[in-house]
């Protein structure tokens, strides 16, 4: 009898103990800030400034992202050259070039565009010292939809002969469709930038401005942007873009030649908006395809190929 009572008492104690054990309550997620917009909800119309062209829609952005998805055949490094005369001249694919002042974040942006770390990045200015070509959207046969050219940075820590070699290339390359010039959003157009823009106008080279490090304008720091972007931050960005218009498209009565395309794109290779997507990079991808004559349809791809064939004849 005593044994039965002890077992019964032990059972009650175990049952009582099990009832008091509770799993920890998960933390309640912070409610969204009604005064801020989530980064993933921002559109090119919010982050960019279009006056010569129309902002890409969601379908066009999705097409651009799909074409740039890394695969076995894309991106592929095609060649490197330190001298214009050593660059291959027989390619039929449309090309776009990326240039910028040293340490403007060009290599980081190209890595974000291509979805892989294929360009060397460094905090030391002037790390890129050669012209590097990367094929995008390649097939098994080796043909690529577009070729991205990573140019050496200009300005501090860059080689003094930079201008001569690059201008030779941009003037003589028949496949080149557009040059994208990166400007630091936080610091704006510096003296070296203004000089380069003047050269592009003088030699009538098609070019477009991309403003890197847009997060520096949208918020005080990256931690602040994790909760979204305020209306004040977005307006500050738009004010900055509108203020640049007269500098990238000067009055034709006083300018030496045609200005940049009326389409200012901002982005940040340091701010992730969703897995595999960095802030504003999808709009940059679409601008690349637009420059190459690829509009998201089979007709656009065919048209681009026909234009290149005509240009090479």
Protein backbone atom coordinates (compact mmCIF):
# COMPACT_ATOMS: atom_id res chain seq x y z
CA UNK A 1 0.00 0.00 0.00
CA UNK A 2 2.81 2.35 0.90
CA UNK A 3 4.50 1.64 -2.42
CA UNK A 4 1.32 2.47 -4.37
CA UNK A 5 0.93 5.79 -2.54
CA UNK A 6 4.52 6.78 -3.31
CA UNK A 7 4.07 6.03 -7.00
CA UNK A 8 0.83 8.00 -7.07
CA UNK A 9 2.49 10.97 -5.35
CA UNK A 10 5.43 10.88 -7.77
CA UNK A 11 3.06 10.80 -10.74
CA UNK A 12 1.17 13.84 -9.46
CA UNK A 13 4.43 15.75 -8.97
CA UNK A 14 5.64 14.97 -12.49
CA UNK A 15 2.28 15.94 -13.94
CA UNK A 16 2.28 19.16 -11.93
CA UNK A 17 5.81 20.00 -13.11
CA UNK A 18 5.00 19.35 -16.76
CA UNK A 19 2.07 21.71 -16.58
CA UNK A 20 4.21 24.58 -15.36
CA UNK A 21 6.75 24.32 -18.21
CA UNK A 22 5.87 26.80 -20.95
CA UNK A 23 7.60 27.48 -24.24
CA UNK A 24 9.03 31.00 -24.58
CA UNK A 25 6.72 33.48 -26.23
CA UNK A 26 8.12 34.58 -29.62
CA UNK A 27 8.86 38.30 -29.84
CA UNK A 28 6.14 40.38 -31.40
CA UNK A 29 7.34 41.84 -34.72
CA UNK A 30 7.46 45.61 -34.85
CA UNK A 31 4.52 47.08 -36.74
CA UNK A 32 5.41 48.75 -40.05
CA UNK A 33 6.12 52.45 -39.80
CA UNK A 34 3.24 54.25 -41.55
CA UNK A 35 5.58 57.16 -42.31
CA UNK A 36 8.07 54.99 -44.21
CA UNK A 37 8.06 52.85 -47.34
CA UNK A 38 9.66 49.44 -47.48
CA UNK A 39 12.70 49.24 -49.76
CA UNK A 40 11.19 46.40 -51.79
CA UNK A 41 8.16 48.56 -52.62
CA UNK A 42 10.17 51.37 -54.20
CA UNK A 43 9.88 51.69 -57.99
CA UNK A 44 12.20 53.28 -60.58
CA UNK A 45 9.91 56.33 -60.49
CA UNK A 46 10.77 56.72 -56.79
CA UNK A 47 14.51 56.19 -57.14
CA UNK A 48 15.25 57.63 -60.59
CA UNK A 49 14.46 60.66 -62.75
CA UNK A 50 13.17 60.13 -66.29
CA UNK A 51 12.42 62.95 -68.73
CA UNK A 52 13.63 61.65 -72.13
CA UNK A 53 12.41 58.10 -71.54
CA UNK A 54 9.71 56.23 -69.62
CA UNK A 55 10.32 54.31 -66.38
CA UNK A 56 10.38 50.52 -66.87
CA UNK A 57 7.34 48.63 -65.63
CA UNK A 58 7.32 45.53 -63.42
CA UNK A 59 7.26 43.16 -66.40
CA UNK A 60 10.28 44.81 -68.00
CA UNK A 61 12.23 44.76 -64.74
CA UNK A 62 11.44 41.07 -64.29
CA UNK A 63 12.67 40.36 -67.83
CA UNK A 64 15.93 42.22 -67.15
CA UNK A 65 16.50 40.35 -63.88
CA UNK A 66 15.85 37.02 -65.63
CA UNK A 67 18.36 37.70 -68.39
CA UNK A 68 21.06 38.53 -65.83
CA UNK A 69 20.53 35.38 -63.73
CA UNK A 70 23.96 33.68 -63.44
CA UNK A 71 24.35 30.40 -65.30
CA UNK A 72 27.08 28.18 -66.66
CA UNK A 73 27.45 30.50 -69.64
CA UNK A 74 26.78 33.88 -67.99
CA UNK A 75 28.55 35.95 -66.86
CA UNK A 76 31.74 34.99 -68.67
CA UNK A 77 34.95 36.99 -68.72
CA UNK A 78 35.78 37.44 -72.39
CA UNK A 79 39.02 39.39 -72.37
CA UNK A 80 41.24 41.94 -70.62
CA UNK A 81 43.37 44.61 -72.25
CA UNK A 82 45.51 47.50 -71.07
CA UNK A 83 45.82 49.08 -74.53
CA UNK A 84 43.08 49.93 -76.99
CA UNK A 85 44.96 48.37 -79.90
CA UNK A 86 45.01 44.98 -78.14
CA UNK A 87 41.22 44.69 -77.70
CA UNK A 88 39.37 42.18 -79.92
CA UNK A 89 37.61 43.95 -82.78
CA UNK A 90 35.55 41.14 -84.35
CA UNK A 91 32.79 40.81 -81.75
CA UNK A 92 29.22 41.23 -82.99
CA UNK A 93 27.52 41.60 -79.60
CA UNK A 94 26.40 45.07 -78.45
CA UNK A 95 28.63 46.55 -75.77
CA UNK A 96 28.11 49.00 -72.91
CA UNK A 97 30.95 50.52 -70.91
CA UNK A 98 31.05 51.42 -67.22
CA UNK A 99 33.28 54.27 -66.11
CA UNK A 100 33.66 56.27 -62.93
CA UNK A 101 35.93 58.12 -60.59
CA UNK A 102 38.21 55.88 -58.55
CA UNK A 103 36.45 54.30 -55.56
CA UNK A 104 32.96 55.28 -56.72
CA UNK A 105 31.78 51.69 -56.31
CA UNK A 106 31.94 50.64 -59.96
CA UNK A 107 33.23 47.10 -59.41
CA UNK A 108 30.72 46.49 -56.61
CA UNK A 109 27.87 47.64 -58.85
CA UNK A 110 29.00 45.42 -61.73
CA UNK A 111 29.10 42.44 -59.38
CA UNK A 112 25.55 43.24 -58.27
CA UNK A 113 24.40 43.60 -61.89
CA UNK A 114 25.93 40.28 -62.95
CA UNK A 115 24.88 38.46 -59.78
CA UNK A 116 28.40 37.18 -59.09
CA UNK A 117 31.64 38.53 -57.66
CA UNK A 118 33.57 38.60 -60.93
CA UNK A 119 35.10 42.09 -60.57
CA UNK A 120 37.81 42.72 -58.01
CA UNK A 121 36.65 45.13 -55.31
CA UNK A 122 38.94 47.06 -52.99
CA UNK A 123 38.82 50.02 -50.63
CA UNK A 124 42.02 51.19 -52.31
CA UNK A 125 41.21 53.60 -55.19
CA UNK A 126 42.29 52.76 -58.72
CA UNK A 127 42.31 48.98 -58.33
CA UNK A 128 40.93 48.35 -61.84
CA UNK A 129 43.83 48.97 -64.24
CA UNK A 130 42.62 47.21 -67.37
CA UNK A 131 39.61 47.09 -69.66
CA UNK A 132 37.70 43.92 -68.76
CA UNK A 133 34.87 42.49 -70.87
CA UNK A 134 32.10 40.23 -69.54
CA UNK A 135 29.52 38.40 -71.65
CA UNK A 136 25.92 38.34 -70.37
CA UNK A 137 23.05 36.05 -71.39
CA UNK A 138 25.34 33.60 -73.14
CA UNK A 139 24.34 30.34 -74.75
CA UNK A 140 26.17 27.06 -75.20
CA UNK A 141 27.50 28.23 -78.55
CA UNK A 142 29.18 31.22 -76.94
CA UNK A 143 26.98 34.03 -78.25
CA UNK A 144 26.05 36.68 -75.69
CA UNK A 145 23.13 39.10 -75.61
CA UNK A 146 25.29 41.99 -74.40
CA UNK A 147 28.87 42.65 -73.29
CA UNK A 148 29.70 44.72 -70.19
CA UNK A 149 33.01 46.58 -70.16
CA UNK A 150 34.64 47.47 -66.85
CA UNK A 151 36.93 50.45 -67.45
CA UNK A 152 39.75 51.70 -65.20
CA UNK A 153 38.71 54.44 -62.79
CA UNK A 154 39.72 58.03 -63.43
CA UNK A 155 40.91 60.65 -60.98
CA UNK A 156 42.96 60.00 -57.86
CA UNK A 157 45.23 56.93 -57.96
CA UNK A 158 44.45 56.31 -61.64
CA UNK A 159 47.00 56.20 -64.39
CA UNK A 160 47.75 59.48 -66.14
CA UNK A 161 47.27 57.94 -69.61
CA UNK A 162 43.72 56.81 -68.74
CA UNK A 163 41.96 59.50 -70.75
CA UNK A 164 43.84 58.93 -73.99
CA UNK A 165 43.39 55.15 -74.02
CA UNK A 166 39.73 55.17 -73.03
CA UNK A 167 38.74 57.93 -75.45
CA UNK A 168 40.46 56.00 -78.25
CA UNK A 169 38.39 53.00 -77.34
CA UNK A 170 35.06 54.80 -77.03
CA UNK A 171 35.52 56.64 -80.32
CA UNK A 172 36.66 53.64 -82.34
CA UNK A 173 34.51 50.82 -80.96
CA UNK A 174 31.66 50.22 -83.42
CA UNK A 175 29.94 47.77 -81.08
CA UNK A 176 29.68 50.30 -78.25
CA UNK A 177 26.08 51.34 -77.68
CA UNK A 178 26.35 53.47 -74.56
CA UNK A 179 28.76 54.45 -71.81
CA UNK A 180 27.46 54.55 -68.24
CA UNK A 181 29.25 57.06 -66.03
CA UNK A 182 29.00 56.47 -62.29
CA UNK A 183 28.70 59.47 -59.99
CA UNK A 184 28.75 59.30 -56.18
CA UNK A 185 25.27 60.31 -54.95
CA UNK A 186 26.62 61.74 -51.73
CA UNK A 187 29.32 63.94 -53.28
CA UNK A 188 27.80 64.77 -56.66
CA UNK A 189 29.72 65.78 -59.78
CA UNK A 190 33.37 66.43 -58.97
CA UNK A 191 35.88 68.29 -61.12
CA UNK A 192 37.13 65.08 -62.73
CA UNK A 193 33.55 64.01 -63.47
CA UNK A 194 32.78 67.35 -65.12
CA UNK A 195 35.90 67.05 -67.28
CA UNK A 196 34.94 63.54 -68.45
CA UNK A 197 31.37 64.60 -69.18
CA UNK A 198 32.76 67.45 -71.28
CA UNK A 199 34.82 64.98 -73.31
CA UNK A 200 31.78 62.81 -73.94
CA UNK A 201 29.84 65.80 -75.24
CA UNK A 202 32.73 67.04 -77.35
CA UNK A 203 33.17 63.68 -79.07
CA UNK A 204 29.41 62.97 -79.23
CA UNK A 205 29.69 59.64 -77.42
CA UNK A 206 26.31 58.33 -76.18
CA UNK A 207 26.35 58.28 -72.41
CA UNK A 208 24.14 58.05 -69.34
CA UNK A 209 24.60 58.87 -65.66
CA UNK A 210 24.18 56.33 -62.86
CA UNK A 211 24.37 57.57 -59.28
CA UNK A 212 25.87 55.01 -56.93
CA UNK A 213 25.57 54.82 -53.13
CA UNK A 214 22.02 56.21 -53.14
CA UNK A 215 21.55 54.96 -49.57
CA UNK A 216 23.76 57.84 -48.41
CA UNK A 217 21.07 60.26 -49.59
CA UNK A 218 17.99 58.25 -48.61
CA UNK A 219 18.94 57.88 -44.95
CA UNK A 220 21.56 58.61 -42.32
CA UNK A 221 22.84 55.02 -42.26
CA UNK A 222 22.02 51.49 -43.37
CA UNK A 223 20.47 50.60 -40.01
CA UNK A 224 17.92 53.38 -40.42
CA UNK A 225 16.97 52.13 -43.90
CA UNK A 226 16.14 48.65 -42.57
CA UNK A 227 12.83 50.05 -41.33
CA UNK A 228 12.11 51.76 -44.65
CA UNK A 229 12.60 55.08 -46.40
CA UNK A 230 10.88 58.25 -45.26
CA UNK A 231 9.13 60.71 -47.56
CA UNK A 232 11.81 63.22 -46.59
CA UNK A 233 14.56 60.87 -47.79
CA UNK A 234 12.82 60.21 -51.11
CA UNK A 235 12.23 63.92 -51.68
CA UNK A 236 15.86 64.66 -50.87
CA UNK A 237 16.88 62.14 -53.53
CA UNK A 238 14.54 63.63 -56.14
CA UNK A 239 15.75 67.15 -55.38
CA UNK A 240 19.33 66.01 -55.91
CA UNK A 241 18.45 64.37 -59.24
CA UNK A 242 16.54 67.37 -60.55
CA UNK A 243 19.45 69.61 -59.59
CA UNK A 244 21.78 67.51 -61.75
CA UNK A 245 19.71 67.81 -64.90
CA UNK A 246 21.28 71.06 -66.10
CA UNK A 247 24.76 69.63 -65.53
CA UNK A 248 24.25 66.42 -67.52
CA UNK A 249 22.24 68.15 -70.26
CA UNK A 250 23.68 71.67 -70.56
CA UNK A 251 22.00 74.31 -72.70
CA UNK A 252 22.77 73.28 -76.32
CA UNK A 253 23.50 76.92 -77.13
CA UNK A 254 26.58 76.84 -74.90
CA UNK A 255 27.40 73.11 -74.86
CA UNK A 256 30.07 71.62 -77.11
CA UNK A 257 27.88 68.65 -78.04
CA UNK A 258 24.96 66.41 -77.06
CA UNK A 259 24.44 65.82 -73.36
CA UNK A 260 23.69 62.62 -71.49
CA UNK A 261 20.47 60.67 -71.91
CA UNK A 262 17.64 62.24 -69.93
CA UNK A 263 17.45 59.35 -67.50
CA UNK A 264 19.21 59.51 -64.12
CA UNK A 265 19.32 56.16 -62.31
CA UNK A 266 20.24 55.71 -58.66
CA UNK A 267 21.25 52.47 -56.97
CA UNK A 268 23.25 50.97 -54.12
CA UNK A 269 25.25 47.76 -54.30
CA UNK A 270 25.34 47.68 -50.48
CA UNK A 271 21.58 47.66 -49.75
CA UNK A 272 19.71 44.38 -50.21
CA UNK A 273 15.97 44.76 -50.81
CA UNK A 274 15.28 41.03 -51.20
CA UNK A 275 17.36 37.86 -51.69
CA UNK A 276 19.63 38.41 -54.69
CA UNK A 277 18.36 41.93 -55.36
CA UNK A 278 20.17 45.15 -54.48
CA UNK A 279 18.60 48.61 -54.39
CA UNK A 280 17.92 50.00 -57.88
CA UNK A 281 20.01 47.41 -59.73
CA UNK A 282 17.03 46.10 -61.71
CA UNK A 283 16.59 49.56 -63.28
CA UNK A 284 20.29 49.58 -64.22
CA UNK A 285 19.87 46.17 -65.85
CA UNK A 286 16.93 47.42 -67.87
CA UNK A 287 18.92 50.49 -68.99
CA UNK A 288 21.69 48.17 -70.22
CA UNK A 289 19.25 46.10 -72.26
CA UNK A 290 17.58 49.23 -73.64
CA UNK A 291 20.95 50.55 -74.78
CA UNK A 292 21.63 47.21 -76.49
CA UNK A 293 18.28 47.31 -78.28
CA UNK A 294 16.77 44.45 -76.26
CA UNK A 295 13.24 45.35 -75.23
CA UNK A 296 12.03 42.06 -73.78
CA UNK A 297 10.66 40.60 -76.98
CA UNK A 298 12.09 38.38 -79.68
CA UNK A 299 11.67 41.26 -82.11
CA UNK A 300 13.88 43.47 -79.94
CA UNK A 301 16.67 40.89 -79.84
CA UNK A 302 16.47 40.40 -83.61
CA UNK A 303 16.52 44.14 -84.23
CA UNK A 304 19.63 44.56 -82.10
CA UNK A 305 21.45 41.86 -84.09
CA UNK A 306 20.46 43.46 -87.40
CA UNK A 307 21.70 46.87 -86.24
CA UNK A 308 25.05 45.42 -85.23
CA UNK A 309 25.45 43.65 -88.58
CA UNK A 310 24.75 46.90 -90.42
CA UNK A 311 27.20 48.83 -88.24
CA UNK A 312 30.00 46.37 -88.92
CA UNK A 313 29.63 46.63 -92.71
